[in-house]
């Protein structure tokens, strides 16, 4: 019985880590101007361009000139 609990817990940890990794890799990238502090462009995780109109709540932040 303890081995079954340990196996279930380990499986849960693996699934949770995988879900967190997928969520991290699916975040868009926001390019922001260093001088004006304004959004220059937004790029989805697959590389397609998005607009700066509606910034997502979570994103990778990249400073540009």
C-alpha atoms as a PDB file:
ATOM      1  CA  UNK A   1       0.000   0.000   0.000  1.00  0.00           C
ATOM      2  CA  UNK A   2       2.735   2.578   0.798  1.00  0.00           C
ATOM      3  CA  UNK A   3       4.346   1.829  -2.564  1.00  0.00           C
ATOM      4  CA  UNK A   4       1.067   2.564  -4.324  1.00  0.00           C
ATOM      5  CA  UNK A   5       0.759   5.903  -2.530  1.00  0.00           C
ATOM      6  CA  UNK A   6       4.370   6.787  -3.362  1.00  0.00           C
ATOM      7  CA  UNK A   7       3.841   5.840  -7.011  1.00  0.00           C
ATOM      8  CA  UNK A   8       0.670   7.925  -7.201  1.00  0.00           C
ATOM      9  CA  UNK A   9       2.404  10.905  -5.620  1.00  0.00           C
ATOM     10  CA  UNK A  10       5.344  10.607  -8.020  1.00  0.00           C
ATOM     11  CA  UNK A  11       2.973  10.407 -10.975  1.00  0.00           C
ATOM     12  CA  UNK A  12       1.155  13.493  -9.696  1.00  0.00           C
ATOM     13  CA  UNK A  13       4.449  15.412  -9.436  1.00  0.00           C
ATOM     14  CA  UNK A  14       5.455  14.441 -12.973  1.00  0.00           C
ATOM     15  CA  UNK A  15       2.095  15.517 -14.407  1.00  0.00           C
ATOM     16  CA  UNK A  16       2.150  18.807 -12.458  1.00  0.00           C
ATOM     17  CA  UNK A  17       5.697  19.594 -13.620  1.00  0.00           C
ATOM     18  CA  UNK A  18       4.756  18.800 -17.227  1.00  0.00           C
ATOM     19  CA  UNK A  19       1.694  21.030 -17.039  1.00  0.00           C
ATOM     20  CA  UNK A  20       3.772  23.887 -15.592  1.00  0.00           C
ATOM     21  CA  UNK A  21       6.397  23.490 -18.321  1.00  0.00           C
ATOM     22  CA  UNK A  22       3.792  23.513 -21.089  1.00  0.00           C
ATOM     23  CA  UNK A  23       2.180  26.603 -19.562  1.00  0.00           C
ATOM     24  CA  UNK A  24       5.555  28.352 -19.438  1.00  0.00           C
ATOM     25  CA  UNK A  25       6.406  27.498 -23.036  1.00  0.00           C
ATOM     26  CA  UNK A  26       2.978  28.649 -24.279  1.00  0.00           C
ATOM     27  CA  UNK A  27       3.378  32.204 -22.953  1.00  0.00           C
ATOM     28  CA  UNK A  28       3.690  34.957 -25.568  1.00  0.00           C
ATOM     29  CA  UNK A  29       6.702  37.278 -25.768  1.00  0.00           C
ATOM     30  CA  UNK A  30       6.174  41.020 -25.344  1.00  0.00           C
ATOM     31  CA  UNK A  31       8.848  43.306 -26.797  1.00  0.00           C
ATOM     32  CA  UNK A  32       8.948  46.636 -24.981  1.00  0.00           C
ATOM     33  CA  UNK A  33      10.978  49.717 -25.866  1.00  0.00           C
ATOM     34  CA  UNK A  34      13.635  50.548 -23.292  1.00  0.00           C
ATOM     35  CA  UNK A  35      13.449  54.301 -23.898  1.00  0.00           C
ATOM     36  CA  UNK A  36       9.697  54.853 -24.231  1.00  0.00           C
ATOM     37  CA  UNK A  37       8.524  51.925 -22.042  1.00  0.00           C
ATOM     38  CA  UNK A  38       5.838  51.142 -24.625  1.00  0.00           C
ATOM     39  CA  UNK A  39       4.929  47.856 -26.251  1.00  0.00           C
ATOM     40  CA  UNK A  40       6.621  47.448 -29.626  1.00  0.00           C
ATOM     41  CA  UNK A  41       5.174  44.072 -30.626  1.00  0.00           C
ATOM     42  CA  UNK A  42       3.774  40.861 -29.202  1.00  0.00           C
ATOM     43  CA  UNK A  43       4.673  37.449 -30.534  1.00  0.00           C
ATOM     44  CA  UNK A  44       2.708  34.288 -29.722  1.00  0.00           C
ATOM     45  CA  UNK A  45       4.520  31.135 -28.639  1.00  0.00           C
ATOM     46  CA  UNK A  46       4.303  29.741 -32.177  1.00  0.00           C
ATOM     47  CA  UNK A  47       5.807  32.916 -33.672  1.00  0.00           C
ATOM     48  CA  UNK A  48       2.650  34.516 -35.029  1.00  0.00           C
ATOM     49  CA  UNK A  49       2.386  38.260 -34.432  1.00  0.00           C
ATOM     50  CA  UNK A  50      -0.205  39.644 -32.026  1.00  0.00           C
ATOM     51  CA  UNK A  51      -1.267  43.193 -31.209  1.00  0.00           C
ATOM     52  CA  UNK A  52      -0.208  45.337 -28.283  1.00  0.00           C
ATOM     53  CA  UNK A  53      -3.851  46.279 -27.664  1.00  0.00           C
ATOM     54  CA  UNK A  54      -4.667  43.498 -25.237  1.00  0.00           C
ATOM     55  CA  UNK A  55      -1.582  42.320 -23.371  1.00  0.00           C
ATOM     56  CA  UNK A  56      -1.938  38.940 -21.676  1.00  0.00           C
ATOM     57  CA  UNK A  57      -1.620  38.681 -17.898  1.00  0.00           C
ATOM     58  CA  UNK A  58       1.454  36.432 -18.119  1.00  0.00           C
ATOM     59  CA  UNK A  59       4.163  36.835 -20.750  1.00  0.00           C
ATOM     60  CA  UNK A  60       7.896  36.763 -21.398  1.00  0.00           C
ATOM     61  CA  UNK A  61       9.296  40.286 -21.311  1.00  0.00           C
ATOM     62  CA  UNK A  62      12.050  41.387 -23.725  1.00  0.00           C
ATOM     63  CA  UNK A  63      13.547  44.880 -23.721  1.00  0.00           C
ATOM     64  CA  UNK A  64      14.414  46.380 -27.125  1.00  0.00           C
ATOM     65  CA  UNK A  65      15.924  49.693 -28.239  1.00  0.00           C
END
